[in-house]
Amino acid sequence: MSETLVNLFKEYGLKEYEAKAYVSLLFSRELTASELSRVSEIPQPRIYDVLNSLKLKGLVEIRQERPQKFRAVDPKIALQILSNDLLARLSNVRQTIFSEIEKLKPQDQSLLLEEPNVWIIRNLDKAKQKIKSLIEAANVDIVMSSSASLVNEFVDSIISVTHSRKNVTVAVVCYCDESKVQINSNEAVLLKQRPTPSLPIIMIDGTYCIVLAEDYSLELGEPELMRILSDFFYYSVWRPSKTLTKFKLDQEKTTSHIWLAIEMIKTMKKEDITIKVSGFERKSRNVIEVEGSVVDYKLDPQGIFKNFTLLSGGKKYLVGGLGASVEDVEARLITISKKQK
C-alpha cells in the first residue's frame, strides 16, 4: 500500500483509516471486510465503521452477497466528490469567518472586508449549465465569443431569447469556421467571425460574465472587472473580426455596452432612430434618464473615446459607458428604437 497516496487522500479530507481502506480497495478488484482489514492493516472492530463512512461519502460500491464484497469507485469520480465536499466545507468556513469579522468590526467601520463576486469553478459541465440558464434569463444583451461547436451548444437558448424577448441584443463572435455555426442570417443576431481563437467569453446583461478555460471557468460579477472585459472584448475580439450579418432594427433593442450601441447606431441613419439612456450623471451621481436623437458619435481607433451625443429637450448630453470619466452621463442601459413616422 502506498503511504504517499494515503497521505494525499488525507489532504482531500479523508481520515487515516478511510484513506488506507480506499487506497487498498483501489488496487484490488473486490474485497470482503475481513480481507480489507488484513490488507489495509485496519483493526477488524473498526473496518465496518470505516466502510460505512466511505459508503456514505460515495467512495465505495457494495456487491450484495454473502459475505458482502466492496470495491473502490473510479478515482476520478472519487476526487470530484471529495473536491466538492472540500469546497463546500471551505465555503462554510469562509462564511463563518466573515460573520465573525462582522461581529468584531470596530464601531468606526475602519475595518471593511467585502467579498468579491469572483468564482473559479472546476466543473465545466456545471459552467455550461450556468451559461445556458443565464442566456435564457437575459433581459438586456448577450455578448459571446467562442468556437462554433460551443456556440451551437447554446444556439437553441439564444434563438429562444431572440424570439421571446425581441429587445435583447445578441452579438456573437465565432472562431475560425463560421460555416459550422447553426445560426442563419434570418435570426436577429449580430454575427462575426474571428480567424484565430481566444478564450471563450460570455457576458450577460453587462452584469455577469463567464470565461471558459480548458479545465475550469472564471465567473465574474464585479462591475470594474466587467468594464475591463467589455473593453477587452471590443478591442481584441469584436473589432478585428469579420462581419457576417448586418444589423436590422426591426424591433426596439437594448444593450449595456456603449461600443455595441455605437456599432448599431453606425449602421443606421441617425435621423431615423430614437435613443433612451438610463444611468447616472457623472458629476453628481444622480440617476438620470434621457431620451432623444443622436447628433454625433465617437469610436476612435486609439480606444480613448467611446461615446455619443444625445439631443434631448433642446439640450445636448455626451453619453459614455460604464466608468465614464469625461462624459455627462454614464450609461447603464441604452435602448435604440425607430422613430414613429
Protein backbone atom coordinates (compact mmCIF):
# COMPACT_ATOMS: atom_id res chain seq x y z
CA MET A 1 0.00 0.00 0.00
CA SER A 2 1.35 3.42 -0.99
CA GLU A 3 1.82 5.70 2.02
CA THR A 4 2.16 8.63 -0.40
CA LEU A 5 -1.32 8.01 -1.80
CA VAL A 6 -2.75 7.58 1.68
CA ASN A 7 -1.32 10.95 2.74
CA LEU A 8 -2.58 12.63 -0.45
CA PHE A 9 -6.13 11.37 0.11
CA LYS A 10 -5.89 12.63 3.69
CA GLU A 11 -5.17 16.07 2.19
CA TYR A 12 -8.55 15.77 0.47
CA GLY A 13 -10.24 15.29 3.84
CA LEU A 14 -10.22 11.52 4.43
CA LYS A 15 -9.27 10.20 7.85
CA GLU A 16 -6.31 7.84 8.26
CA TYR A 17 -8.30 4.58 8.18
CA GLU A 18 -10.61 5.85 5.41
CA ALA A 19 -7.63 6.71 3.22
CA LYS A 20 -5.97 3.35 3.90
CA ALA A 21 -9.17 1.45 3.12
CA TYR A 22 -9.85 3.36 -0.13
CA VAL A 23 -6.25 3.01 -1.40
CA SER A 24 -6.25 -0.71 -0.57
CA LEU A 25 -9.51 -1.20 -2.47
CA LEU A 26 -8.19 0.85 -5.36
CA PHE A 27 -5.59 -1.79 -6.15
CA SER A 28 -7.86 -4.79 -5.54
CA ARG A 29 -10.82 -5.85 -7.66
CA GLU A 30 -13.13 -6.69 -4.75
CA LEU A 31 -12.51 -7.48 -1.08
CA THR A 32 -14.61 -8.65 1.81
CA ALA A 33 -14.43 -6.67 5.03
CA SER A 34 -12.13 -9.26 6.59
CA GLU A 35 -9.83 -9.27 3.56
CA LEU A 36 -9.71 -5.47 3.55
CA SER A 37 -8.91 -5.42 7.26
CA ARG A 38 -5.95 -7.67 6.63
CA VAL A 39 -4.67 -5.86 3.53
CA SER A 40 -5.07 -2.35 4.94
CA GLU A 41 -3.97 -3.24 8.49
CA ILE A 42 -7.13 -1.65 9.88
CA PRO A 43 -8.29 -3.36 13.09
CA GLN A 44 -11.21 -5.75 12.50
CA PRO A 45 -13.52 -3.97 15.03
CA ARG A 46 -13.12 -0.70 13.06
CA ILE A 47 -13.41 -1.95 9.47
CA TYR A 48 -17.23 -1.84 9.18
CA ASP A 49 -17.40 1.71 10.56
CA VAL A 50 -14.74 2.78 8.04
CA LEU A 51 -16.54 1.08 5.15
CA ASN A 52 -19.86 2.62 6.15
CA SER A 53 -18.24 6.06 6.23
CA LEU A 54 -16.75 5.53 2.74
CA LYS A 55 -20.14 4.32 1.52
CA LEU A 56 -21.87 7.48 2.81
CA LYS A 57 -19.22 9.57 1.06
CA GLY A 58 -19.93 7.71 -2.20
CA LEU A 59 -16.40 6.30 -2.47
CA VAL A 60 -17.12 2.56 -2.36
CA GLU A 61 -19.58 0.22 -4.06
CA ILE A 62 -21.03 -2.88 -2.40
CA ARG A 63 -21.93 -6.19 -4.02
CA GLN A 64 -24.72 -7.77 -2.04
CA GLU A 65 -23.80 -11.37 -1.44
CA ARG A 66 -22.53 -13.38 1.47
CA PRO A 67 -20.14 -12.15 2.53
CA GLN A 68 -20.52 -8.65 1.13
CA LYS A 69 -17.74 -7.51 -1.19
CA PHE A 70 -16.52 -3.94 -1.57
CA ARG A 71 -14.73 -2.09 -4.36
CA ALA A 72 -13.47 1.48 -4.81
CA VAL A 73 -15.24 3.87 -7.19
CA ASP A 74 -13.19 5.30 -10.02
CA PRO A 75 -10.57 7.69 -8.56
CA LYS A 76 -11.64 10.49 -10.95
CA ILE A 77 -15.16 10.32 -9.56
CA ALA A 78 -13.88 9.97 -6.00
CA LEU A 79 -11.64 13.04 -6.30
CA GLN A 80 -14.53 15.06 -7.77
CA ILE A 81 -16.74 14.04 -4.83
CA LEU A 82 -14.01 14.89 -2.33
CA SER A 83 -13.29 18.20 -4.10
CA ASN A 84 -16.95 19.21 -3.93
CA ASP A 85 -17.12 18.30 -0.23
CA LEU A 86 -13.92 20.22 0.44
CA LEU A 87 -15.16 23.30 -1.41
CA ALA A 88 -18.47 23.15 0.47
CA ARG A 89 -16.65 22.96 3.82
CA LEU A 90 -14.33 25.80 2.86
CA SER A 91 -17.29 27.88 1.74
CA ASN A 92 -18.98 27.34 5.12
CA VAL A 93 -15.76 28.23 6.93
CA ARG A 94 -15.41 31.31 4.75
CA GLN A 95 -18.92 32.50 5.57
CA THR A 96 -18.30 31.85 9.26
CA ILE A 97 -15.08 33.89 9.14
CA PHE A 98 -16.87 36.83 7.52
CA SER A 99 -19.67 36.55 10.09
CA GLU A 100 -17.16 36.60 12.94
CA ILE A 101 -15.32 39.57 11.42
CA GLU A 102 -18.65 41.38 11.08
CA LYS A 103 -19.35 40.81 14.78
CA LEU A 104 -15.91 42.12 15.77
CA LYS A 105 -15.82 45.02 13.32
CA PRO A 106 -14.88 48.29 15.07
CA GLN A 107 -17.61 50.86 15.51
CA ASP A 108 -15.75 53.34 13.32
CA GLN A 109 -16.06 50.91 10.37
CA SER A 110 -12.38 51.29 9.59
CA LEU A 111 -12.11 47.55 9.03
CA LEU A 112 -14.14 46.82 5.92
CA LEU A 113 -13.88 43.49 4.15
CA GLU A 114 -16.12 42.89 1.18
CA GLU A 115 -16.34 39.52 -0.51
CA PRO A 116 -15.64 39.91 -4.25
CA ASN A 117 -18.08 38.38 -6.70
CA VAL A 118 -15.44 36.28 -8.45
CA TRP A 119 -15.50 32.48 -8.54
CA ILE A 120 -13.40 29.70 -10.05
CA ILE A 121 -15.47 26.63 -10.93
CA ARG A 122 -13.65 23.41 -11.80
CA ASN A 123 -16.66 21.62 -13.25
CA LEU A 124 -17.10 22.69 -16.89
CA ASP A 125 -20.44 20.90 -17.27
CA LYS A 126 -21.83 22.99 -14.41
CA ALA A 127 -20.37 26.11 -16.02
CA LYS A 128 -22.17 25.31 -19.28
CA GLN A 129 -25.41 24.73 -17.40
CA LYS A 130 -24.93 28.13 -15.75
CA ILE A 131 -24.29 29.77 -19.13
CA LYS A 132 -27.45 28.20 -20.58
CA SER A 133 -29.59 29.43 -17.68
CA LEU A 134 -28.06 32.93 -17.86
CA ILE A 135 -28.70 33.16 -21.61
CA GLU A 136 -32.31 32.08 -21.17
CA ALA A 137 -32.79 34.70 -18.41
CA ALA A 138 -31.16 37.58 -20.33
CA ASN A 139 -33.19 40.79 -20.43
CA VAL A 140 -30.72 43.27 -21.96
CA ASP A 141 -27.97 41.70 -24.07
CA ILE A 142 -25.92 38.58 -24.74
CA VAL A 143 -22.33 39.11 -25.89
CA MET A 144 -20.37 35.96 -26.66
CA SER A 145 -17.19 34.72 -28.30
CA SER A 146 -16.32 31.05 -28.72
CA SER A 147 -15.77 28.20 -31.15
CA ALA A 148 -18.62 27.21 -33.46
CA SER A 149 -19.14 23.98 -31.52
CA LEU A 150 -19.61 25.84 -28.23
CA VAL A 151 -21.96 28.40 -29.82
CA ASN A 152 -24.03 25.50 -31.13
CA GLU A 153 -24.40 24.07 -27.63
CA PHE A 154 -26.34 27.22 -26.70
CA VAL A 155 -27.94 28.04 -30.04
CA ASP A 156 -31.42 26.83 -29.04
CA SER A 157 -31.34 29.03 -25.94
CA ILE A 158 -30.05 32.02 -27.93
CA ILE A 159 -32.73 31.70 -30.63
CA SER A 160 -35.40 31.22 -27.97
CA VAL A 161 -34.42 34.57 -26.43
CA THR A 162 -34.38 36.39 -29.78
CA HIS A 163 -37.92 35.14 -30.44
CA SER A 164 -39.44 35.68 -27.00
CA ARG A 165 -37.64 38.90 -25.91
CA LYS A 166 -37.01 40.79 -29.12
CA ASN A 167 -35.45 43.76 -27.33
CA VAL A 168 -32.43 41.68 -26.25
CA THR A 169 -29.35 42.40 -28.37
CA VAL A 170 -27.32 39.29 -29.23
CA ALA A 171 -23.74 39.69 -30.51
CA VAL A 172 -21.68 36.57 -31.24
CA VAL A 173 -18.09 36.17 -32.45
CA CYS A 174 -17.31 32.71 -33.79
CA TYR A 175 -13.72 31.49 -34.04
CA CYS A 176 -12.37 30.11 -37.31
CA ASP A 177 -15.03 28.23 -39.32
CA GLU A 178 -18.27 30.23 -39.22
CA SER A 179 -19.97 27.82 -41.65
CA LYS A 180 -20.45 25.37 -38.79
CA VAL A 181 -22.46 27.84 -36.68
CA GLN A 182 -26.12 26.88 -36.62
CA ILE A 183 -27.36 30.50 -36.68
CA ASN A 184 -28.71 31.67 -40.00
CA SER A 185 -28.86 35.23 -41.28
CA ASN A 186 -32.60 35.42 -40.62
CA GLU A 187 -32.07 35.32 -36.87
CA ALA A 188 -31.74 38.64 -35.02
CA VAL A 189 -28.10 38.04 -34.11
CA LEU A 190 -25.08 40.22 -34.87
CA LEU A 191 -22.61 37.55 -36.00
CA LYS A 192 -18.89 37.97 -36.65
CA GLN A 193 -16.02 35.61 -37.42
CA ARG A 194 -12.52 35.78 -35.93
CA PRO A 195 -9.73 33.99 -37.83
CA THR A 196 -7.89 32.85 -34.69
CA PRO A 197 -9.23 31.53 -31.37
CA SER A 198 -9.22 33.17 -27.97
CA LEU A 199 -10.68 32.28 -24.59
CA PRO A 200 -14.47 31.80 -24.77
CA ILE A 201 -16.21 34.76 -23.10
CA ILE A 202 -19.93 35.07 -22.37
CA MET A 203 -21.30 38.37 -20.98
CA ILE A 204 -24.94 38.63 -19.92
CA ASP A 205 -26.78 41.94 -19.36
CA GLY A 206 -23.47 43.68 -18.65
CA THR A 207 -23.56 42.39 -15.07
CA TYR A 208 -22.25 38.83 -15.27
CA CYS A 209 -19.51 37.12 -17.23
CA ILE A 210 -18.16 33.61 -17.59
CA VAL A 211 -14.70 32.94 -19.06
CA LEU A 212 -14.09 29.30 -20.01
CA ALA A 213 -10.60 27.86 -19.78
CA GLU A 214 -9.63 24.25 -20.60
CA ASP A 215 -10.43 22.74 -17.22
CA TYR A 216 -12.16 25.49 -15.23
CA SER A 217 -14.39 28.52 -15.59
CA LEU A 218 -13.97 32.00 -14.16
CA GLU A 219 -17.27 33.61 -13.15
CA LEU A 220 -17.33 37.37 -12.61
CA GLY A 221 -19.92 39.79 -11.31
CA GLU A 222 -17.66 42.69 -10.30
CA PRO A 223 -18.52 45.98 -12.11
CA GLU A 224 -14.92 47.08 -12.61
CA LEU A 225 -13.89 43.70 -13.99
CA MET A 226 -16.94 43.74 -16.27
CA ARG A 227 -15.83 47.12 -17.59
CA ILE A 228 -12.33 45.77 -18.33
CA LEU A 229 -13.71 42.65 -20.01
CA SER A 230 -16.14 44.67 -22.11
CA ASP A 231 -13.28 46.84 -23.39
CA PHE A 232 -11.12 43.76 -23.99
CA PHE A 233 -13.93 42.09 -25.90
CA TYR A 234 -14.43 45.11 -28.14
CA TYR A 235 -10.79 45.82 -28.99
CA SER A 236 -9.36 42.28 -29.03
CA VAL A 237 -12.31 40.18 -30.18
CA TRP A 238 -15.06 42.24 -31.81
CA ARG A 239 -13.21 44.91 -33.76
CA PRO A 240 -10.69 42.63 -35.57
CA SER A 241 -13.44 40.19 -36.59
CA LYS A 242 -15.22 39.93 -39.95
CA THR A 243 -18.91 40.92 -40.08
CA LEU A 244 -21.21 38.12 -41.24
CA THR A 245 -24.66 39.60 -40.61
CA LYS A 246 -25.84 43.20 -40.79
CA PHE A 247 -27.81 44.82 -38.02
CA LYS A 248 -31.51 45.40 -38.75
CA LEU A 249 -33.60 47.47 -36.37
CA ASP A 250 -36.94 45.73 -36.76
CA GLN A 251 -37.66 45.91 -33.04
CA GLU A 252 -36.52 48.04 -30.12
CA LYS A 253 -33.06 46.89 -29.00
CA THR A 254 -31.26 47.31 -25.68
CA THR A 255 -27.64 46.96 -24.63
CA SER A 256 -25.42 47.69 -21.65
CA HIS A 257 -22.25 48.13 -23.75
CA ILE A 258 -21.52 51.59 -25.13
CA TRP A 259 -19.45 50.20 -28.01
CA LEU A 260 -22.23 47.83 -29.05
CA ALA A 261 -24.76 50.69 -29.02
CA ILE A 262 -22.48 52.76 -31.27
CA GLU A 263 -21.89 49.78 -33.57
CA MET A 264 -25.67 49.62 -34.06
CA ILE A 265 -26.00 53.39 -34.45
CA LYS A 266 -23.30 53.35 -37.16
CA THR A 267 -25.39 51.09 -39.39
CA MET A 268 -28.43 53.38 -39.37
CA LYS A 269 -29.38 56.90 -40.35
CA LYS A 270 -29.21 59.00 -37.17
CA GLU A 271 -32.40 60.85 -38.08
CA ASP A 272 -34.35 57.56 -38.18
CA ILE A 273 -33.71 56.46 -34.60
CA THR A 274 -34.51 57.47 -31.05
CA ILE A 275 -32.30 56.54 -28.11
CA LYS A 276 -33.20 56.32 -24.45
CA VAL A 277 -30.38 56.24 -21.91
CA SER A 278 -30.69 55.19 -18.27
CA GLY A 279 -27.73 55.74 -16.00
CA PHE A 280 -26.05 58.32 -13.78
CA GLU A 281 -24.98 61.93 -14.08
CA ARG A 282 -21.21 61.66 -13.97
CA LYS A 283 -20.55 64.53 -11.57
CA SER A 284 -23.47 64.31 -9.15
CA ARG A 285 -24.04 60.51 -9.46
CA ASN A 286 -27.78 61.21 -9.56
CA VAL A 287 -29.90 58.76 -11.50
CA ILE A 288 -30.81 60.12 -14.92
CA GLU A 289 -32.96 59.02 -17.85
CA VAL A 290 -32.88 60.96 -21.10
CA GLU A 291 -34.39 60.27 -24.50
CA GLY A 292 -33.72 61.95 -27.80
CA SER A 293 -31.91 61.79 -31.11
CA VAL A 294 -28.25 61.13 -31.88
CA VAL A 295 -26.28 64.16 -33.01
CA ASP A 296 -22.85 62.54 -33.24
CA TYR A 297 -20.85 59.53 -32.07
CA LYS A 298 -17.19 58.80 -31.47
CA LEU A 299 -15.47 55.41 -31.54
CA ASP A 300 -11.86 56.28 -32.22
CA PRO A 301 -9.21 53.72 -33.27
CA GLN A 302 -6.97 54.50 -30.30
CA GLY A 303 -9.70 53.46 -27.88
CA ILE A 304 -9.64 56.70 -25.91
CA PHE A 305 -13.24 57.71 -26.58
CA LYS A 306 -16.40 55.64 -26.93
CA ASN A 307 -19.39 57.97 -26.67
CA PHE A 308 -22.26 59.61 -28.48
CA THR A 309 -24.05 62.96 -28.22
CA LEU A 310 -27.76 62.86 -27.48
CA LEU A 311 -30.09 65.82 -28.12
CA SER A 312 -32.99 65.81 -25.67
CA GLY A 313 -35.33 68.72 -24.93
CA GLY A 314 -33.01 71.18 -26.65
CA LYS A 315 -30.04 70.10 -24.50
CA LYS A 316 -27.04 68.03 -25.60
CA TYR A 317 -25.76 65.20 -23.42
CA LEU A 318 -22.43 63.46 -24.02
CA VAL A 319 -23.05 59.81 -23.16
CA GLY A 320 -20.34 57.33 -22.17
CA GLY A 321 -20.34 53.79 -20.89
CA LEU A 322 -19.55 52.15 -17.57
CA GLY A 323 -16.82 54.16 -15.82
CA ALA A 324 -17.34 57.27 -17.98
CA SER A 325 -14.81 59.90 -16.93
CA VAL A 326 -15.30 62.90 -19.24
CA GLU A 327 -18.90 62.47 -20.45
CA ASP A 328 -22.03 63.97 -18.91
CA VAL A 329 -23.82 60.65 -18.49
CA GLU A 330 -22.60 57.19 -17.53
CA ALA A 331 -25.00 54.90 -19.38
CA ARG A 332 -26.02 51.59 -17.84
CA LEU A 333 -28.84 50.80 -20.26
CA ILE A 334 -29.17 52.05 -23.84
CA THR A 335 -32.38 51.48 -25.80
CA ILE A 336 -32.47 52.08 -29.57
CA SER A 337 -35.77 52.30 -31.45
CA LYS A 338 -37.12 53.54 -34.75
CA LYS A 339 -38.77 56.93 -34.82
CA GLN A 340 -42.50 56.82 -35.29
CA LYS A 341 -43.44 58.19 -38.71
